[in-house]
Amino acid sequence: MTRLFMVKDNNGEPHLVAGLIDEDLWVYVAKAGRFHRNEAAQQDYFFQRDLEYVEIGIAEARCLMAAGVGIYDEEIDPETLQEWRDDPTPMDAEIVFASMAADLG
């Protein structure tokens, strides 16, 4: 089952768009242009709950992504961003959305 979330930071601001696919949490990384499996976000979602997860639909996810949600500052954390760019198994947004649509249909 696939679900989409707007992940809000501690200030209540949209921070990420995430897709929960089975037991894996994928986050959209704007500078990489794809969804990437994110272990830290997955731990937070299932156990810590330091961030807020608001379930959203495909249209809202697209709007948030177009608005720049998921942009990381390359100067603050260049290594993580490079890891995502080098990720051999990223997932295109359309695949995430198609998975969600199939679950709804």
N, C-alpha and C. Protein backbone atom coordinates (compact mmCIF):
# COMPACT_ATOMS: atom_id res chain seq x y z
N MET A 1 0.84 -1.18 0.00
CA MET A 1 0.00 0.00 0.00
C MET A 1 0.88 1.24 0.00
N THR A 2 0.50 2.22 -0.80
CA THR A 2 1.25 3.46 -0.90
C THR A 2 0.43 4.61 -0.33
N ARG A 3 1.10 5.43 0.47
CA ARG A 3 0.48 6.63 1.03
C ARG A 3 1.46 7.79 0.85
N LEU A 4 0.92 8.98 0.64
CA LEU A 4 1.75 10.19 0.50
C LEU A 4 1.55 11.07 1.71
N PHE A 5 2.62 11.75 2.10
CA PHE A 5 2.57 12.65 3.25
C PHE A 5 3.29 13.96 2.95
N MET A 6 2.77 15.02 3.56
CA MET A 6 3.52 16.25 3.69
C MET A 6 4.15 16.15 5.08
N VAL A 7 5.45 16.24 5.14
CA VAL A 7 6.16 16.14 6.41
C VAL A 7 6.46 17.56 6.86
N LYS A 8 5.95 17.89 8.04
CA LYS A 8 6.16 19.23 8.58
C LYS A 8 7.27 19.20 9.62
N ASP A 9 8.07 20.28 9.62
CA ASP A 9 9.15 20.39 10.60
C ASP A 9 8.59 20.83 11.95
N ASN A 10 9.46 21.08 12.90
CA ASN A 10 9.05 21.44 14.25
C ASN A 10 8.31 22.77 14.32
N ASN A 11 8.45 23.59 13.29
CA ASN A 11 7.75 24.88 13.24
C ASN A 11 6.42 24.78 12.50
N GLY A 12 6.06 23.57 12.08
CA GLY A 12 4.81 23.37 11.35
C GLY A 12 4.89 23.72 9.88
N GLU A 13 6.09 23.94 9.37
CA GLU A 13 6.29 24.28 7.97
C GLU A 13 6.50 23.01 7.14
N PRO A 14 5.97 22.98 5.91
CA PRO A 14 6.23 21.82 5.05
C PRO A 14 7.73 21.67 4.80
N HIS A 15 8.23 20.47 5.03
CA HIS A 15 9.66 20.20 4.92
C HIS A 15 9.96 19.19 3.82
N LEU A 16 9.11 18.17 3.70
CA LEU A 16 9.32 17.10 2.74
C LEU A 16 8.00 16.59 2.20
N VAL A 17 8.08 15.98 1.03
CA VAL A 17 7.00 15.15 0.52
C VAL A 17 7.53 13.72 0.62
N ALA A 18 6.76 12.85 1.25
CA ALA A 18 7.21 11.49 1.46
C ALA A 18 6.17 10.50 0.94
N GLY A 19 6.67 9.38 0.49
CA GLY A 19 5.81 8.29 0.06
C GLY A 19 6.12 7.05 0.87
N LEU A 20 5.11 6.50 1.51
CA LEU A 20 5.27 5.25 2.24
C LEU A 20 4.82 4.13 1.32
N ILE A 21 5.76 3.30 0.93
CA ILE A 21 5.48 2.18 0.03
C ILE A 21 5.83 0.91 0.79
N ASP A 22 4.80 0.16 1.12
CA ASP A 22 4.94 -1.01 1.99
C ASP A 22 5.57 -0.56 3.30
N GLU A 23 6.77 -0.96 3.60
CA GLU A 23 7.42 -0.60 4.87
C GLU A 23 8.54 0.43 4.68
N ASP A 24 8.71 0.93 3.47
CA ASP A 24 9.80 1.87 3.19
C ASP A 24 9.27 3.28 3.02
N LEU A 25 9.99 4.24 3.62
CA LEU A 25 9.63 5.64 3.47
C LEU A 25 10.60 6.28 2.48
N TRP A 26 10.05 6.85 1.43
CA TRP A 26 10.81 7.52 0.38
C TRP A 26 10.52 9.00 0.48
N VAL A 27 11.54 9.84 0.35
CA VAL A 27 11.34 11.29 0.38
C VAL A 27 11.76 11.89 -0.95
N TYR A 28 11.04 12.94 -1.34
CA TYR A 28 11.36 13.64 -2.58
C TYR A 28 12.49 14.61 -2.31
N VAL A 29 13.54 14.50 -3.10
CA VAL A 29 14.69 15.40 -3.01
C VAL A 29 14.70 16.23 -4.29
N ALA A 30 14.35 17.50 -4.15
CA ALA A 30 14.17 18.36 -5.32
C ALA A 30 15.42 18.46 -6.18
N LYS A 31 16.59 18.62 -5.56
CA LYS A 31 17.81 18.79 -6.35
C LYS A 31 18.23 17.51 -7.05
N ALA A 32 17.74 16.38 -6.60
CA ALA A 32 18.00 15.11 -7.28
C ALA A 32 16.85 14.78 -8.24
N GLY A 33 15.69 15.38 -8.00
CA GLY A 33 14.54 15.21 -8.88
C GLY A 33 13.82 13.88 -8.76
N ARG A 34 14.05 13.17 -7.66
CA ARG A 34 13.43 11.86 -7.48
C ARG A 34 13.17 11.59 -6.01
N PHE A 35 12.46 10.51 -5.79
CA PHE A 35 12.26 10.02 -4.43
C PHE A 35 13.41 9.08 -4.08
N HIS A 36 13.85 9.15 -2.82
CA HIS A 36 14.93 8.31 -2.34
C HIS A 36 14.54 7.70 -1.00
N ARG A 37 14.90 6.44 -0.83
CA ARG A 37 14.65 5.78 0.46
C ARG A 37 15.44 6.53 1.51
N ASN A 38 14.80 6.82 2.65
CA ASN A 38 15.45 7.62 3.68
C ASN A 38 15.26 6.93 5.03
N GLU A 39 16.33 6.31 5.51
CA GLU A 39 16.28 5.54 6.76
C GLU A 39 15.96 6.42 7.97
N ALA A 40 16.52 7.63 8.03
CA ALA A 40 16.26 8.51 9.17
C ALA A 40 14.78 8.92 9.21
N ALA A 41 14.23 9.26 8.07
CA ALA A 41 12.81 9.63 8.02
C ALA A 41 11.94 8.42 8.36
N GLN A 42 12.35 7.25 7.91
CA GLN A 42 11.59 6.03 8.20
C GLN A 42 11.58 5.76 9.71
N GLN A 43 12.72 5.91 10.36
CA GLN A 43 12.79 5.74 11.81
C GLN A 43 11.89 6.75 12.52
N ASP A 44 11.90 7.98 12.03
CA ASP A 44 11.06 8.99 12.65
C ASP A 44 9.58 8.65 12.46
N TYR A 45 9.20 8.24 11.27
CA TYR A 45 7.80 7.93 10.99
C TYR A 45 7.29 6.78 11.87
N PHE A 46 8.05 5.72 11.95
CA PHE A 46 7.60 4.53 12.67
C PHE A 46 7.81 4.58 14.18
N PHE A 47 8.83 5.32 14.65
CA PHE A 47 9.16 5.24 16.06
C PHE A 47 9.21 6.57 16.81
N GLN A 48 9.94 7.54 16.29
CA GLN A 48 10.19 8.76 17.04
C GLN A 48 9.06 9.78 16.98
N ARG A 49 8.57 10.01 15.81
CA ARG A 49 7.51 10.99 15.57
C ARG A 49 7.88 12.40 16.02
N ASP A 50 9.12 12.80 15.71
CA ASP A 50 9.53 14.17 15.98
C ASP A 50 8.93 15.14 14.98
N LEU A 51 8.63 14.64 13.78
CA LEU A 51 8.03 15.46 12.74
C LEU A 51 6.56 15.10 12.61
N GLU A 52 5.79 15.95 11.92
CA GLU A 52 4.36 15.70 11.73
C GLU A 52 4.14 15.20 10.31
N TYR A 53 3.34 14.15 10.17
CA TYR A 53 3.06 13.52 8.88
C TYR A 53 1.58 13.72 8.57
N VAL A 54 1.30 14.52 7.54
CA VAL A 54 -0.06 14.82 7.14
C VAL A 54 -0.32 14.11 5.80
N GLU A 55 -1.30 13.22 5.79
CA GLU A 55 -1.58 12.48 4.57
C GLU A 55 -2.14 13.42 3.51
N ILE A 56 -1.63 13.28 2.28
CA ILE A 56 -2.04 14.13 1.17
C ILE A 56 -2.32 13.27 -0.06
N GLY A 57 -2.88 13.89 -1.07
CA GLY A 57 -3.11 13.21 -2.33
C GLY A 57 -2.05 13.57 -3.36
N ILE A 58 -2.19 12.99 -4.52
CA ILE A 58 -1.21 13.20 -5.59
C ILE A 58 -1.16 14.66 -6.03
N ALA A 59 -2.31 15.29 -6.19
CA ALA A 59 -2.34 16.68 -6.65
C ALA A 59 -1.62 17.60 -5.66
N GLU A 60 -1.86 17.41 -4.38
CA GLU A 60 -1.19 18.25 -3.38
C GLU A 60 0.32 17.96 -3.36
N ALA A 61 0.70 16.70 -3.52
CA ALA A 61 2.13 16.36 -3.57
C ALA A 61 2.80 17.08 -4.74
N ARG A 62 2.15 17.06 -5.89
CA ARG A 62 2.71 17.75 -7.07
C ARG A 62 2.88 19.25 -6.80
N CYS A 63 1.88 19.86 -6.18
CA CYS A 63 1.94 21.30 -5.87
C CYS A 63 3.08 21.60 -4.91
N LEU A 64 3.22 20.80 -3.87
CA LEU A 64 4.30 21.01 -2.91
C LEU A 64 5.67 20.85 -3.56
N MET A 65 5.80 19.84 -4.40
CA MET A 65 7.07 19.62 -5.09
C MET A 65 7.38 20.78 -6.03
N ALA A 66 6.38 21.27 -6.74
CA ALA A 66 6.57 22.40 -7.65
C ALA A 66 6.93 23.68 -6.89
N ALA A 67 6.45 23.77 -5.64
CA ALA A 67 6.72 24.95 -4.81
C ALA A 67 8.10 24.89 -4.17
N GLY A 68 8.81 23.78 -4.33
CA GLY A 68 10.17 23.70 -3.81
C GLY A 68 10.32 22.93 -2.51
N VAL A 69 9.27 22.28 -2.04
CA VAL A 69 9.41 21.47 -0.83
C VAL A 69 10.36 20.32 -1.15
N GLY A 70 11.34 20.12 -0.28
CA GLY A 70 12.31 19.06 -0.49
C GLY A 70 13.65 19.56 -1.01
N ILE A 71 13.84 20.88 -0.99
CA ILE A 71 15.12 21.43 -1.42
C ILE A 71 16.08 21.41 -0.24
N TYR A 72 17.25 20.85 -0.46
CA TYR A 72 18.28 20.80 0.56
C TYR A 72 19.38 21.78 0.20
N ASP A 73 19.96 22.41 1.21
CA ASP A 73 21.04 23.36 1.01
C ASP A 73 22.34 22.59 0.81
N GLU A 74 22.87 22.69 -0.36
CA GLU A 74 24.08 21.94 -0.71
C GLU A 74 25.29 22.40 0.10
N GLU A 75 25.29 23.62 0.56
CA GLU A 75 26.41 24.12 1.35
C GLU A 75 26.39 23.56 2.76
N ILE A 76 25.20 23.29 3.29
CA ILE A 76 25.09 22.77 4.66
C ILE A 76 25.39 21.28 4.71
N ASP A 77 24.91 20.53 3.75
CA ASP A 77 25.07 19.07 3.78
C ASP A 77 25.34 18.52 2.38
N PRO A 78 26.51 18.85 1.80
CA PRO A 78 26.81 18.41 0.44
C PRO A 78 26.97 16.89 0.31
N GLU A 79 27.43 16.23 1.38
CA GLU A 79 27.67 14.79 1.31
C GLU A 79 26.36 14.01 1.16
N THR A 80 25.34 14.40 1.94
CA THR A 80 24.06 13.71 1.84
C THR A 80 23.43 13.91 0.48
N LEU A 81 23.48 15.13 -0.02
CA LEU A 81 22.92 15.40 -1.33
C LEU A 81 23.65 14.61 -2.41
N GLN A 82 24.96 14.50 -2.30
CA GLN A 82 25.72 13.72 -3.27
C GLN A 82 25.36 12.24 -3.18
N GLU A 83 25.15 11.74 -1.96
CA GLU A 83 24.72 10.34 -1.79
C GLU A 83 23.40 10.10 -2.53
N TRP A 84 22.47 11.04 -2.42
CA TRP A 84 21.19 10.89 -3.11
C TRP A 84 21.38 10.95 -4.62
N ARG A 85 22.24 11.82 -5.09
CA ARG A 85 22.50 11.89 -6.53
C ARG A 85 23.14 10.60 -7.04
N ASP A 86 23.94 9.96 -6.20
CA ASP A 86 24.60 8.72 -6.57
C ASP A 86 23.76 7.48 -6.28
N ASP A 87 22.61 7.66 -5.68
CA ASP A 87 21.73 6.54 -5.31
C ASP A 87 21.40 5.70 -6.54
N PRO A 88 21.71 4.40 -6.51
CA PRO A 88 21.43 3.56 -7.68
C PRO A 88 19.96 3.15 -7.81
N THR A 89 19.16 3.41 -6.78
CA THR A 89 17.76 2.96 -6.81
C THR A 89 16.77 4.08 -6.48
N PRO A 90 16.89 5.26 -7.09
CA PRO A 90 15.88 6.30 -6.83
C PRO A 90 14.58 5.91 -7.52
N MET A 91 13.53 6.58 -7.15
CA MET A 91 12.23 6.29 -7.75
C MET A 91 11.64 7.58 -8.32
N ASP A 92 11.26 7.54 -9.58
CA ASP A 92 10.63 8.69 -10.20
C ASP A 92 9.30 8.98 -9.52
N ALA A 93 8.96 10.24 -9.46
CA ALA A 93 7.70 10.64 -8.83
C ALA A 93 6.51 9.96 -9.50
N GLU A 94 6.56 9.82 -10.80
CA GLU A 94 5.43 9.20 -11.51
C GLU A 94 5.21 7.75 -11.11
N ILE A 95 6.29 7.06 -10.75
CA ILE A 95 6.16 5.68 -10.28
C ILE A 95 5.50 5.65 -8.90
N VAL A 96 5.91 6.57 -8.04
CA VAL A 96 5.30 6.66 -6.71
C VAL A 96 3.81 6.98 -6.85
N PHE A 97 3.50 7.95 -7.70
CA PHE A 97 2.10 8.35 -7.88
C PHE A 97 1.28 7.22 -8.51
N ALA A 98 1.85 6.50 -9.47
CA ALA A 98 1.14 5.40 -10.10
C ALA A 98 0.88 4.28 -9.10
N SER A 99 1.82 4.05 -8.20
CA SER A 99 1.64 3.04 -7.17
C SER A 99 0.49 3.42 -6.24
N MET A 100 0.41 4.70 -5.90
CA MET A 100 -0.68 5.15 -5.04
C MET A 100 -2.01 5.04 -5.78
N ALA A 101 -2.04 5.47 -7.03
CA ALA A 101 -3.27 5.42 -7.81
C ALA A 101 -3.75 3.97 -7.96
N ALA A 102 -2.83 3.04 -8.15
CA ALA A 102 -3.19 1.63 -8.29
C ALA A 102 -3.80 1.10 -7.00
N ASP A 103 -3.27 1.54 -5.86
CA ASP A 103 -3.80 1.12 -4.56
C ASP A 103 -5.20 1.65 -4.34
N LEU A 104 -5.47 2.86 -4.88
CA LEU A 104 -6.80 3.47 -4.71
C LEU A 104 -7.83 2.86 -5.65
N GLY A 105 -7.34 2.38 -6.80
CA GLY A 105 -8.24 1.89 -7.85
C GLY A 105 -8.69 0.50 -7.58
